[in-house]
């Protein structure tokens, strides 16, 4: 019974982390699009820079990460790693990275609204 409880709580914790990562990624894309459309900012990622505002950008920032997270989730649930703490820590690092990026976007959006409007 204890093992089943651990599996359920682990699944819930990883699912919530992955959902947060995906939502932060989508907000990163939306904030980037708003900042680029203002004409005052450019995409910092040189790989996404040429096609960020088209279908390529949408696929690269919204669809591909969703498919990747679903694949990772299926792998975690079918064959949990021996060190689940390390997997959770890695998810936390990625989530923190996207959180910081979104904070920068919010800062620049608020700055551009105050200064240029």
PDB file of N, CA and C in Angstrom:
ATOM      1  N   UNK A   1       0.821  -1.197   0.000  1.00  0.00           N
ATOM      2  CA  UNK A   1       0.000   0.000   0.000  1.00  0.00           C
ATOM      3  C   UNK A   1       0.861   1.255   0.000  1.00  0.00           C
ATOM      4  N   UNK A   2       1.944   1.221   0.788  1.00  0.00           N
ATOM      5  CA  UNK A   2       2.820   2.375   0.867  1.00  0.00           C
ATOM      6  C   UNK A   2       3.481   2.659  -0.480  1.00  0.00           C
ATOM      7  N   UNK A   3       3.827   1.607  -1.205  1.00  0.00           N
ATOM      8  CA  UNK A   3       4.455   1.785  -2.513  1.00  0.00           C
ATOM      9  C   UNK A   3       3.474   2.404  -3.512  1.00  0.00           C
ATOM     10  N   UNK A   4       2.220   1.998  -3.469  1.00  0.00           N
ATOM     11  CA  UNK A   4       1.205   2.579  -4.356  1.00  0.00           C
ATOM     12  C   UNK A   4       0.987   4.048  -4.024  1.00  0.00           C
ATOM     13  N   UNK A   5       0.967   4.396  -2.732  1.00  0.00           N
ATOM     14  CA  UNK A   5       0.812   5.792  -2.321  1.00  0.00           C
ATOM     15  C   UNK A   5       1.989   6.634  -2.807  1.00  0.00           C
ATOM     16  N   UNK A   6       3.210   6.091  -2.692  1.00  0.00           N
ATOM     17  CA  UNK A   6       4.390   6.811  -3.164  1.00  0.00           C
ATOM     18  C   UNK A   6       4.308   7.043  -4.666  1.00  0.00           C
ATOM     19  N   UNK A   7       3.849   6.047  -5.416  1.00  0.00           N
ATOM     20  CA  UNK A   7       3.741   6.187  -6.868  1.00  0.00           C
ATOM     21  C   UNK A   7       2.731   7.268  -7.234  1.00  0.00           C
ATOM     22  N   UNK A   8       1.584   7.292  -6.552  1.00  0.00           N
ATOM     23  CA  UNK A   8       0.548   8.282  -6.851  1.00  0.00           C
ATOM     24  C   UNK A   8       1.030   9.686  -6.518  1.00  0.00           C
ATOM     25  N   UNK A   9       1.650   9.869  -5.363  1.00  0.00           N
ATOM     26  CA  UNK A   9       2.134  11.202  -5.004  1.00  0.00           C
ATOM     27  C   UNK A   9       3.267  11.640  -5.913  1.00  0.00           C
ATOM     28  N   UNK A  10       4.118  10.708  -6.304  1.00  0.00           N
ATOM     29  CA  UNK A  10       5.196  11.035  -7.231  1.00  0.00           C
ATOM     30  C   UNK A  10       4.635  11.436  -8.583  1.00  0.00           C
ATOM     31  N   UNK A  11       3.626  10.712  -9.051  1.00  0.00           N
ATOM     32  CA  UNK A  11       3.007  11.053 -10.328  1.00  0.00           C
ATOM     33  C   UNK A  11       2.362  12.428 -10.265  1.00  0.00           C
ATOM     34  N   UNK A  12       1.694  12.733  -9.162  1.00  0.00           N
ATOM     35  CA  UNK A  12       1.067  14.041  -9.019  1.00  0.00           C
ATOM     36  C   UNK A  12       2.109  15.147  -8.985  1.00  0.00           C
ATOM     37  N   UNK A  13       3.186  14.936  -8.251  1.00  0.00           N
ATOM     38  CA  UNK A  13       4.239  15.962  -8.154  1.00  0.00           C
ATOM     39  C   UNK A  13       4.907  16.215  -9.493  1.00  0.00           C
ATOM     40  N   UNK A  14       5.219  15.165 -10.231  1.00  0.00           N
ATOM     41  CA  UNK A  14       5.852  15.371 -11.532  1.00  0.00           C
ATOM     42  C   UNK A  14       4.877  15.974 -12.526  1.00  0.00           C
ATOM     43  N   UNK A  15       3.603  15.568 -12.477  1.00  0.00           N
ATOM     44  CA  UNK A  15       2.615  16.150 -13.385  1.00  0.00           C
ATOM     45  C   UNK A  15       2.436  17.636 -13.135  1.00  0.00           C
ATOM     46  N   UNK A  16       2.385  18.040 -11.872  1.00  0.00           N
ATOM     47  CA  UNK A  16       2.211  19.462 -11.578  1.00  0.00           C
ATOM     48  C   UNK A  16       3.438  20.255 -12.003  1.00  0.00           C
ATOM     49  N   UNK A  17       4.622  19.693 -11.832  1.00  0.00           N
ATOM     50  CA  UNK A  17       5.833  20.371 -12.279  1.00  0.00           C
ATOM     51  C   UNK A  17       5.848  20.501 -13.797  1.00  0.00           C
ATOM     52  N   UNK A  18       5.499  19.448 -14.495  1.00  0.00           N
ATOM     53  CA  UNK A  18       5.501  19.489 -15.959  1.00  0.00           C
ATOM     54  C   UNK A  18       4.437  20.438 -16.491  1.00  0.00           C
ATOM     55  N   UNK A  19       3.285  20.484 -15.849  1.00  0.00           N
ATOM     56  CA  UNK A  19       2.248  21.432 -16.256  1.00  0.00           C
ATOM     57  C   UNK A  19       2.733  22.859 -16.061  1.00  0.00           C
ATOM     58  N   UNK A  20       3.383  23.118 -14.946  1.00  0.00           N
ATOM     59  CA  UNK A  20       3.916  24.459 -14.686  1.00  0.00           C
ATOM     60  C   UNK A  20       4.987  24.821 -15.711  1.00  0.00           C
ATOM     61  N   UNK A  21       5.854  23.896 -16.047  1.00  0.00           N
ATOM     62  CA  UNK A  21       6.889  24.154 -17.050  1.00  0.00           C
ATOM     63  C   UNK A  21       6.251  24.477 -18.396  1.00  0.00           C
ATOM     64  N   UNK A  22       5.242  23.710 -18.779  1.00  0.00           N
ATOM     65  CA  UNK A  22       4.606  23.965 -20.078  1.00  0.00           C
ATOM     66  C   UNK A  22       3.910  25.320 -20.092  1.00  0.00           C
ATOM     67  N   UNK A  23       3.186  25.648 -19.032  1.00  0.00           N
ATOM     68  CA  UNK A  23       2.497  26.942 -18.994  1.00  0.00           C
ATOM     69  C   UNK A  23       3.493  28.101 -18.993  1.00  0.00           C
ATOM     70  N   UNK A  24       4.571  27.981 -18.245  1.00  0.00           N
ATOM     71  CA  UNK A  24       5.595  29.021 -18.259  1.00  0.00           C
ATOM     72  C   UNK A  24       6.229  29.153 -19.640  1.00  0.00           C
ATOM     73  N   UNK A  25       6.407  28.045 -20.332  1.00  0.00           N
ATOM     74  CA  UNK A  25       6.946  28.074 -21.687  1.00  0.00           C
ATOM     75  C   UNK A  25       5.995  28.793 -22.644  1.00  0.00           C
ATOM     76  N   UNK A  26       4.704  28.511 -22.548  1.00  0.00           N
ATOM     77  CA  UNK A  26       3.722  29.170 -23.418  1.00  0.00           C
ATOM     78  C   UNK A  26       3.662  30.667 -23.107  1.00  0.00           C
ATOM     79  N   UNK A  27       3.684  31.028 -21.823  1.00  0.00           N
ATOM     80  CA  UNK A  27       3.690  32.446 -21.472  1.00  0.00           C
ATOM     81  C   UNK A  27       4.971  33.126 -21.961  1.00  0.00           C
ATOM     82  N   UNK A  28       6.082  32.417 -21.923  1.00  0.00           N
ATOM     83  CA  UNK A  28       7.326  32.948 -22.478  1.00  0.00           C
ATOM     84  C   UNK A  28       7.131  33.276 -23.955  1.00  0.00           C
ATOM     85  N   UNK A  29       6.512  32.383 -24.694  1.00  0.00           N
ATOM     86  CA  UNK A  29       6.259  32.607 -26.121  1.00  0.00           C
ATOM     87  C   UNK A  29       5.331  33.808 -26.323  1.00  0.00           C
ATOM     88  N   UNK A  30       4.255  33.876 -25.541  1.00  0.00           N
ATOM     89  CA  UNK A  30       3.309  34.990 -25.696  1.00  0.00           C
ATOM     90  C   UNK A  30       3.956  36.328 -25.354  1.00  0.00           C
ATOM     91  N   UNK A  31       4.685  36.371 -24.254  1.00  0.00           N
ATOM     92  CA  UNK A  31       5.369  37.606 -23.877  1.00  0.00           C
ATOM     93  C   UNK A  31       6.400  38.005 -24.937  1.00  0.00           C
ATOM     94  N   UNK A  32       7.112  37.028 -25.469  1.00  0.00           N
ATOM     95  CA  UNK A  32       8.085  37.305 -26.522  1.00  0.00           C
ATOM     96  C   UNK A  32       7.407  37.899 -27.738  1.00  0.00           C
ATOM     97  N   UNK A  33       6.272  37.342 -28.124  1.00  0.00           N
ATOM     98  CA  UNK A  33       5.549  37.855 -29.294  1.00  0.00           C
ATOM     99  C   UNK A  33       5.081  39.294 -29.066  1.00  0.00           C
ATOM    100  N   UNK A  34       4.593  39.595 -27.867  1.00  0.00           N
ATOM    101  CA  UNK A  34       4.143  40.955 -27.559  1.00  0.00           C
ATOM    102  C   UNK A  34       5.324  41.921 -27.603  1.00  0.00           C
ATOM    103  N   UNK A  35       6.441  41.530 -27.001  1.00  0.00           N
ATOM    104  CA  UNK A  35       7.610  42.409 -26.997  1.00  0.00           C
ATOM    105  C   UNK A  35       8.183  42.611 -28.395  1.00  0.00           C
ATOM    106  N   UNK A  36       8.207  41.569 -29.205  1.00  0.00           N
ATOM    107  CA  UNK A  36       8.707  41.698 -30.572  1.00  0.00           C
ATOM    108  C   UNK A  36       7.777  42.580 -31.401  1.00  0.00           C
ATOM    109  N   UNK A  37       6.473  42.418 -31.213  1.00  0.00           N
ATOM    110  CA  UNK A  37       5.523  43.221 -31.994  1.00  0.00           C
ATOM    111  C   UNK A  37       5.590  44.701 -31.634  1.00  0.00           C
ATOM    112  N   UNK A  38       6.145  45.029 -30.460  1.00  0.00           N
ATOM    113  CA  UNK A  38       6.300  46.441 -30.098  1.00  0.00           C
ATOM    114  C   UNK A  38       7.377  47.107 -30.950  1.00  0.00           C
ATOM    115  N   UNK A  39       8.252  46.322 -31.530  1.00  0.00           N
ATOM    116  CA  UNK A  39       9.320  46.864 -32.355  1.00  0.00           C
ATOM    117  C   UNK A  39      10.538  47.302 -31.562  1.00  0.00           C
ATOM    118  N   UNK A  40      10.486  47.224 -30.262  1.00  0.00           N
ATOM    119  CA  UNK A  40      11.589  47.665 -29.421  1.00  0.00           C
ATOM    120  C   UNK A  40      12.512  46.525 -28.998  1.00  0.00           C
ATOM    121  N   UNK A  41      12.084  45.296 -29.215  1.00  0.00           N
ATOM    122  CA  UNK A  41      12.829  44.134 -28.739  1.00  0.00           C
ATOM    123  C   UNK A  41      13.002  43.131 -29.864  1.00  0.00           C
ATOM    124  N   UNK A  42      13.972  42.254 -29.701  1.00  0.00           N
ATOM    125  CA  UNK A  42      14.225  41.186 -30.668  1.00  0.00           C
ATOM    126  C   UNK A  42      14.388  39.878 -29.897  1.00  0.00           C
ATOM    127  N   UNK A  43      14.189  38.793 -30.588  1.00  0.00           N
ATOM    128  CA  UNK A  43      14.357  37.468 -29.971  1.00  0.00           C
ATOM    129  C   UNK A  43      15.834  37.251 -29.656  1.00  0.00           C
ATOM    130  N   UNK A  44      16.118  36.838 -28.433  1.00  0.00           N
ATOM    131  CA  UNK A  44      17.504  36.639 -27.997  1.00  0.00           C
ATOM    132  C   UNK A  44      18.054  35.284 -28.433  1.00  0.00           C
ATOM    133  N   UNK A  45      17.189  34.319 -28.655  1.00  0.00           N
ATOM    134  CA  UNK A  45      17.619  32.981 -29.048  1.00  0.00           C
ATOM    135  C   UNK A  45      17.913  32.983 -30.554  1.00  0.00           C
ATOM    136  N   UNK A  46      19.168  32.797 -30.955  1.00  0.00           N
ATOM    137  CA  UNK A  46      19.496  32.850 -32.381  1.00  0.00           C
ATOM    138  C   UNK A  46      18.883  31.712 -33.200  1.00  0.00           C
ATOM    139  N   UNK A  47      18.539  30.598 -32.561  1.00  0.00           N
ATOM    140  CA  UNK A  47      17.915  29.492 -33.299  1.00  0.00           C
ATOM    141  C   UNK A  47      16.455  29.790 -33.642  1.00  0.00           C
ATOM    142  N   UNK A  48      15.753  30.492 -32.755  1.00  0.00           N
ATOM    143  CA  UNK A  48      14.344  30.799 -32.979  1.00  0.00           C
ATOM    144  C   UNK A  48      14.124  32.145 -33.647  1.00  0.00           C
ATOM    145  N   UNK A  49      15.134  32.955 -33.655  1.00  0.00           N
ATOM    146  CA  UNK A  49      15.010  34.320 -34.139  1.00  0.00           C
ATOM    147  C   UNK A  49      14.428  34.442 -35.553  1.00  0.00           C
ATOM    148  N   UNK A  50      14.855  33.651 -36.543  1.00  0.00           N
ATOM    149  CA  UNK A  50      14.318  33.844 -37.895  1.00  0.00           C
ATOM    150  C   UNK A  50      12.826  33.526 -38.043  1.00  0.00           C
ATOM    151  N   UNK A  51      12.308  32.558 -37.302  1.00  0.00           N
ATOM    152  CA  UNK A  51      10.926  32.146 -37.531  1.00  0.00           C
ATOM    153  C   UNK A  51      10.030  32.230 -36.323  1.00  0.00           C
ATOM    154  N   UNK A  52      10.349  33.087 -35.366  1.00  0.00           N
ATOM    155  CA  UNK A  52       9.588  33.118 -34.119  1.00  0.00           C
ATOM    156  C   UNK A  52       8.161  33.593 -34.313  1.00  0.00           C
ATOM    157  N   UNK A  53       7.930  34.474 -35.266  1.00  0.00           N
ATOM    158  CA  UNK A  53       6.593  35.048 -35.405  1.00  0.00           C
ATOM    159  C   UNK A  53       5.693  34.276 -36.361  1.00  0.00           C
ATOM    160  N   UNK A  54       6.151  33.176 -36.892  1.00  0.00           N
ATOM    161  CA  UNK A  54       5.335  32.391 -37.804  1.00  0.00           C
ATOM    162  C   UNK A  54       4.933  31.048 -37.216  1.00  0.00           C
ATOM    163  N   UNK A  55       4.569  30.159 -38.090  1.00  0.00           N
ATOM    164  CA  UNK A  55       4.171  28.814 -37.690  1.00  0.00           C
ATOM    165  C   UNK A  55       5.339  28.053 -37.068  1.00  0.00           C
ATOM    166  N   UNK A  56       6.525  28.310 -37.553  1.00  0.00           N
ATOM    167  CA  UNK A  56       7.716  27.644 -37.014  1.00  0.00           C
ATOM    168  C   UNK A  56       7.900  27.963 -35.535  1.00  0.00           C
ATOM    169  N   UNK A  57       7.726  29.213 -35.168  1.00  0.00           N
ATOM    170  CA  UNK A  57       7.855  29.616 -33.771  1.00  0.00           C
ATOM    171  C   UNK A  57       6.802  28.971 -32.893  1.00  0.00           C
ATOM    172  N   UNK A  58       5.557  28.923 -33.394  1.00  0.00           N
ATOM    173  CA  UNK A  58       4.479  28.293 -32.638  1.00  0.00           C
ATOM    174  C   UNK A  58       4.757  26.809 -32.429  1.00  0.00           C
ATOM    175  N   UNK A  59       5.202  26.138 -33.480  1.00  0.00           N
ATOM    176  CA  UNK A  59       5.513  24.715 -33.355  1.00  0.00           C
ATOM    177  C   UNK A  59       6.675  24.489 -32.393  1.00  0.00           C
ATOM    178  N   UNK A  60       7.711  25.331 -32.495  1.00  0.00           N
ATOM    179  CA  UNK A  60       8.901  25.156 -31.669  1.00  0.00           C
ATOM    180  C   UNK A  60       8.662  25.509 -30.208  1.00  0.00           C
ATOM    181  N   UNK A  61       7.772  26.450 -29.928  1.00  0.00           N
ATOM    182  CA  UNK A  61       7.581  26.915 -28.555  1.00  0.00           C
ATOM    183  C   UNK A  61       6.336  26.354 -27.874  1.00  0.00           C
ATOM    184  N   UNK A  62       5.391  25.830 -28.624  1.00  0.00           N
ATOM    185  CA  UNK A  62       4.147  25.340 -28.007  1.00  0.00           C
ATOM    186  C   UNK A  62       3.895  23.851 -28.241  1.00  0.00           C
ATOM    187  N   UNK A  63       4.015  23.405 -29.463  1.00  0.00           N
ATOM    188  CA  UNK A  63       3.662  22.020 -29.787  1.00  0.00           C
ATOM    189  C   UNK A  63       4.800  21.051 -29.444  1.00  0.00           C
ATOM    190  N   UNK A  64       6.011  21.359 -29.875  1.00  0.00           N
ATOM    191  CA  UNK A  64       7.143  20.471 -29.612  1.00  0.00           C
ATOM    192  C   UNK A  64       7.397  20.266 -28.117  1.00  0.00           C
ATOM    193  N   UNK A  65       7.382  21.323 -27.281  1.00  0.00           N
ATOM    194  CA  UNK A  65       7.560  21.086 -25.843  1.00  0.00           C
ATOM    195  C   UNK A  65       6.443  20.239 -25.227  1.00  0.00           C
ATOM    196  N   UNK A  66       5.212  20.416 -25.714  1.00  0.00           N
ATOM    197  CA  UNK A  66       4.105  19.595 -25.213  1.00  0.00           C
ATOM    198  C   UNK A  66       4.353  18.127 -25.524  1.00  0.00           C
ATOM    199  N   UNK A  67       4.733  17.831 -26.757  1.00  0.00           N
ATOM    200  CA  UNK A  67       5.011  16.443 -27.127  1.00  0.00           C
ATOM    201  C   UNK A  67       6.188  15.883 -26.331  1.00  0.00           C
ATOM    202  N   UNK A  68       7.207  16.699 -26.127  1.00  0.00           N
ATOM    203  CA  UNK A  68       8.363  16.256 -25.352  1.00  0.00           C
ATOM    204  C   UNK A  68       7.993  15.980 -23.898  1.00  0.00           C
ATOM    205  N   UNK A  69       7.195  16.840 -23.294  1.00  0.00           N
ATOM    206  CA  UNK A  69       6.789  16.620 -21.901  1.00  0.00           C
ATOM    207  C   UNK A  69       5.881  15.395 -21.766  1.00  0.00           C
ATOM    208  N   UNK A  70       5.011  15.168 -22.729  1.00  0.00           N
ATOM    209  CA  UNK A  70       4.165  13.966 -22.699  1.00  0.00           C
ATOM    210  C   UNK A  70       5.040  12.713 -22.811  1.00  0.00           C
ATOM    211  N   UNK A  71       6.029  12.755 -23.693  1.00  0.00           N
ATOM    212  CA  UNK A  71       6.943  11.618 -23.835  1.00  0.00           C
ATOM    213  C   UNK A  71       7.709  11.369 -22.537  1.00  0.00           C
ATOM    214  N   UNK A  72       8.234  12.428 -21.928  1.00  0.00           N
ATOM    215  CA  UNK A  72       8.983  12.284 -20.670  1.00  0.00           C
ATOM    216  C   UNK A  72       8.083  11.748 -19.576  1.00  0.00           C
ATOM    217  N   UNK A  73       6.842  12.235 -19.513  1.00  0.00           N
ATOM    218  CA  UNK A  73       5.910  11.750 -18.496  1.00  0.00           C
ATOM    219  C   UNK A  73       5.627  10.263 -18.668  1.00  0.00           C
ATOM    220  N   UNK A  74       5.413   9.851 -19.906  1.00  0.00           N
ATOM    221  CA  UNK A  74       5.158   8.431 -20.152  1.00  0.00           C
ATOM    222  C   UNK A  74       6.365   7.591 -19.737  1.00  0.00           C
ATOM    223  N   UNK A  75       7.562   8.073 -20.016  1.00  0.00           N
ATOM    224  CA  UNK A  75       8.769   7.346 -19.620  1.00  0.00           C
ATOM    225  C   UNK A  75       8.916   7.290 -18.102  1.00  0.00           C
ATOM    226  N   UNK A  76       8.606   8.392 -17.423  1.00  0.00           N
ATOM    227  CA  UNK A  76       8.712   8.416 -15.962  1.00  0.00           C
ATOM    228  C   UNK A  76       7.711   7.475 -15.309  1.00  0.00           C
ATOM    229  N   UNK A  77       6.505   7.406 -15.853  1.00  0.00           N
ATOM    230  CA  UNK A  77       5.480   6.578 -15.238  1.00  0.00           C
ATOM    231  C   UNK A  77       5.658   5.102 -15.575  1.00  0.00           C
ATOM    232  N   UNK A  78       6.152   4.790 -16.764  1.00  0.00           N
ATOM    233  CA  UNK A  78       6.348   3.393 -17.141  1.00  0.00           C
ATOM    234  C   UNK A  78       7.606   2.801 -16.527  1.00  0.00           C
ATOM    235  N   UNK A  79       8.636   3.601 -16.417  1.00  0.00           N
ATOM    236  CA  UNK A  79       9.898   3.128 -15.866  1.00  0.00           C
ATOM    237  C   UNK A  79      10.494   4.230 -15.001  1.00  0.00           C
ATOM    238  N   UNK A  80      10.009   4.350 -13.756  1.00  0.00           N
ATOM    239  CA  UNK A  80      10.506   5.433 -12.893  1.00  0.00           C
ATOM    240  C   UNK A  80      12.010   5.322 -12.671  1.00  0.00           C
ATOM    241  N   UNK A  81      12.700   6.457 -12.684  1.00  0.00           N
ATOM    242  CA  UNK A  81      14.142   6.393 -12.450  1.00  0.00           C
ATOM    243  C   UNK A  81      14.448   5.963 -11.017  1.00  0.00           C
ATOM    244  N   UNK A  82      15.622   5.445 -10.832  1.00  0.00           N
ATOM    245  CA  UNK A  82      16.008   5.000  -9.492  1.00  0.00           C
ATOM    246  C   UNK A  82      16.099   6.172  -8.533  1.00  0.00           C
ATOM    247  N   UNK A  83      16.538   7.298  -9.042  1.00  0.00           N
ATOM    248  CA  UNK A  83      16.675   8.472  -8.206  1.00  0.00           C
ATOM    249  C   UNK A  83      15.633   9.513  -8.632  1.00  0.00           C
ATOM    250  N   UNK A  84      14.419   9.364  -8.142  1.00  0.00           N
ATOM    251  CA  UNK A  84      13.336  10.274  -8.493  1.00  0.00           C
ATOM    252  C   UNK A  84      13.588  11.671  -7.946  1.00  0.00           C
ATOM    253  N   UNK A  85      14.360  11.773  -6.876  1.00  0.00           N
ATOM    254  CA  UNK A  85      14.687  13.085  -6.315  1.00  0.00           C
ATOM    255  C   UNK A  85      15.479  13.909  -7.329  1.00  0.00           C
ATOM    256  N   UNK A  86      16.396  13.273  -8.042  1.00  0.00           N
ATOM    257  CA  UNK A  86      17.183  13.971  -9.062  1.00  0.00           C
ATOM    258  C   UNK A  86      16.284  14.419 -10.218  1.00  0.00           C
ATOM    259  N   UNK A  87      15.333  13.579 -10.596  1.00  0.00           N
ATOM    260  CA  UNK A  87      14.404  13.947 -11.671  1.00  0.00           C
ATOM    261  C   UNK A  87      13.550  15.142 -11.261  1.00  0.00           C
ATOM    262  N   UNK A  88      13.063  15.137 -10.015  1.00  0.00           N
ATOM    263  CA  UNK A  88      12.274  16.270  -9.525  1.00  0.00           C
ATOM    264  C   UNK A  88      13.118  17.531  -9.443  1.00  0.00           C
ATOM    265  N   UNK A  89      14.360  17.375  -9.029  1.00  0.00           N
ATOM    266  CA  UNK A  89      15.263  18.526  -8.949  1.00  0.00           C
ATOM    267  C   UNK A  89      15.505  19.122 -10.332  1.00  0.00           C
ATOM    268  N   UNK A  90      15.697  18.283 -11.325  1.00  0.00           N
ATOM    269  CA  UNK A  90      15.888  18.768 -12.688  1.00  0.00           C
ATOM    270  C   UNK A  90      14.640  19.501 -13.187  1.00  0.00           C
ATOM    271  N   UNK A  91      13.465  18.964 -12.893  1.00  0.00           N
ATOM    272  CA  UNK A  91      12.228  19.656 -13.267  1.00  0.00           C
ATOM    273  C   UNK A  91      12.120  21.003 -12.552  1.00  0.00           C
ATOM    274  N   UNK A  92      12.538  21.053 -11.299  1.00  0.00           N
ATOM    275  CA  UNK A  92      12.520  22.317 -10.556  1.00  0.00           C
ATOM    276  C   UNK A  92      13.478  23.341 -11.155  1.00  0.00           C
ATOM    277  N   UNK A  93      14.642  22.886 -11.603  1.00  0.00           N
ATOM    278  CA  UNK A  93      15.614  23.789 -12.222  1.00  0.00           C
ATOM    279  C   UNK A  93      15.035  24.376 -13.510  1.00  0.00           C
ATOM    280  N   UNK A  94      14.432  23.537 -14.340  1.00  0.00           N
ATOM    281  CA  UNK A  94      13.833  24.015 -15.584  1.00  0.00           C
ATOM    282  C   UNK A  94      12.680  24.972 -15.287  1.00  0.00           C
ATOM    283  N   UNK A  95      11.866  24.650 -14.298  1.00  0.00           N
ATOM    284  CA  UNK A  95      10.743  25.510 -13.919  1.00  0.00           C
ATOM    285  C   UNK A  95      11.253  26.862 -13.412  1.00  0.00           C
ATOM    286  N   UNK A  96      12.299  26.866 -12.626  1.00  0.00           N
ATOM    287  CA  UNK A  96      12.879  28.111 -12.126  1.00  0.00           C
ATOM    288  C   UNK A  96      13.441  28.946 -13.267  1.00  0.00           C
ATOM    289  N   UNK A  97      14.086  28.304 -14.225  1.00  0.00           N
ATOM    290  CA  UNK A  97      14.619  29.007 -15.397  1.00  0.00           C
ATOM    291  C   UNK A  97      13.499  29.740 -16.133  1.00  0.00           C
ATOM    292  N   UNK A  98      12.416  29.038 -16.433  1.00  0.00           N
ATOM    293  CA  UNK A  98      11.308  29.674 -17.153  1.00  0.00           C
ATOM    294  C   UNK A  98      10.621  30.743 -16.306  1.00  0.00           C
ATOM    295  N   UNK A  99      10.596  30.559 -14.995  1.00  0.00           N
ATOM    296  CA  UNK A  99      10.018  31.570 -14.119  1.00  0.00           C
ATOM    297  C   UNK A  99      10.832  32.864 -14.191  1.00  0.00           C
ATOM    298  N   UNK A 100      12.152  32.740 -14.149  1.00  0.00           N
ATOM    299  CA  UNK A 100      13.024  33.917 -14.233  1.00  0.00           C
ATOM    300  C   UNK A 100      12.866  34.602 -15.592  1.00  0.00           C
ATOM    301  N   UNK A 101      12.816  33.824 -16.666  1.00  0.00           N
ATOM    302  CA  UNK A 101      12.615  34.395 -18.000  1.00  0.00           C
ATOM    303  C   UNK A 101      11.296  35.153 -18.059  1.00  0.00           C
ATOM    304  N   UNK A 102      10.234  34.588 -17.508  1.00  0.00           N
ATOM    305  CA  UNK A 102       8.942  35.277 -17.505  1.00  0.00           C
ATOM    306  C   UNK A 102       8.971  36.542 -16.648  1.00  0.00           C
ATOM    307  N   UNK A 103       9.715  36.526 -15.558  1.00  0.00           N
ATOM    308  CA  UNK A 103       9.866  37.744 -14.751  1.00  0.00           C
ATOM    309  C   UNK A 103      10.552  38.841 -15.553  1.00  0.00           C
ATOM    310  N   UNK A 104      11.579  38.478 -16.323  1.00  0.00           N
ATOM    311  CA  UNK A 104      12.224  39.465 -17.193  1.00  0.00           C
ATOM    312  C   UNK A 104      11.238  40.020 -18.221  1.00  0.00           C
ATOM    313  N   UNK A 105      10.440  39.137 -18.807  1.00  0.00           N
ATOM    314  CA  UNK A 105       9.443  39.601 -19.783  1.00  0.00           C
ATOM    315  C   UNK A 105       8.453  40.564 -19.146  1.00  0.00           C
ATOM    316  N   UNK A 106       7.966  40.233 -17.977  1.00  0.00           N
ATOM    317  CA  UNK A 106       7.006  41.106 -17.289  1.00  0.00           C
ATOM    318  C   UNK A 106       7.659  42.446 -16.958  1.00  0.00           C
ATOM    319  N   UNK A 107       8.918  42.408 -16.516  1.00  0.00           N
ATOM    320  CA  UNK A 107       9.629  43.652 -16.237  1.00  0.00           C
ATOM    321  C   UNK A 107       9.717  44.515 -17.485  1.00  0.00           C
ATOM    322  N   UNK A 108      10.156  43.934 -18.612  1.00  0.00           N
ATOM    323  CA  UNK A 108      10.318  44.718 -19.834  1.00  0.00           C
ATOM    324  C   UNK A 108       8.983  45.186 -20.388  1.00  0.00           C
ATOM    325  N   UNK A 109       7.941  44.385 -20.229  1.00  0.00           N
ATOM    326  CA  UNK A 109       6.611  44.841 -20.653  1.00  0.00           C
ATOM    327  C   UNK A 109       6.157  46.036 -19.825  1.00  0.00           C
ATOM    328  N   UNK A 110       6.311  45.954 -18.523  1.00  0.00           N
ATOM    329  CA  UNK A 110       5.887  47.066 -17.665  1.00  0.00           C
ATOM    330  C   UNK A 110       6.760  48.288 -17.907  1.00  0.00           C
ATOM    331  N   UNK A 111       8.050  48.096 -18.114  1.00  0.00           N
ATOM    332  CA  UNK A 111       8.953  49.210 -18.393  1.00  0.00           C
ATOM    333  C   UNK A 111       8.580  49.898 -19.692  1.00  0.00           C
ATOM    334  N   UNK A 112       8.307  49.116 -20.725  1.00  0.00           N
ATOM    335  CA  UNK A 112       7.972  49.718 -22.023  1.00  0.00           C
ATOM    336  C   UNK A 112       6.611  50.418 -21.961  1.00  0.00           C
ATOM    337  N   UNK A 113       5.687  49.918 -21.171  1.00  0.00           N
ATOM    338  CA  UNK A 113       4.393  50.576 -21.045  1.00  0.00           C
ATOM    339  C   UNK A 113       4.556  51.916 -20.315  1.00  0.00           C
ATOM    340  N   UNK A 114       5.347  51.926 -19.262  1.00  0.00           N
ATOM    341  CA  UNK A 114       5.527  53.161 -18.480  1.00  0.00           C
ATOM    342  C   UNK A 114       6.327  54.200 -19.265  1.00  0.00           C
ATOM    343  N   UNK A 115       7.383  53.791 -19.919  1.00  0.00           N
ATOM    344  CA  UNK A 115       8.273  54.729 -20.583  1.00  0.00           C
ATOM    345  C   UNK A 115       7.730  55.201 -21.925  1.00  0.00           C
ATOM    346  N   UNK A 116       7.169  54.306 -22.708  1.00  0.00           N
ATOM    347  CA  UNK A 116       6.798  54.646 -24.061  1.00  0.00           C
ATOM    348  C   UNK A 116       5.329  54.970 -24.279  1.00  0.00           C
ATOM    349  N   UNK A 117       4.523  54.907 -23.256  1.00  0.00           N
ATOM    350  CA  UNK A 117       3.100  55.253 -23.428  1.00  0.00           C
ATOM    351  C   UNK A 117       2.737  56.534 -22.763  1.00  0.00           C
TER     352      UNK A 117
END
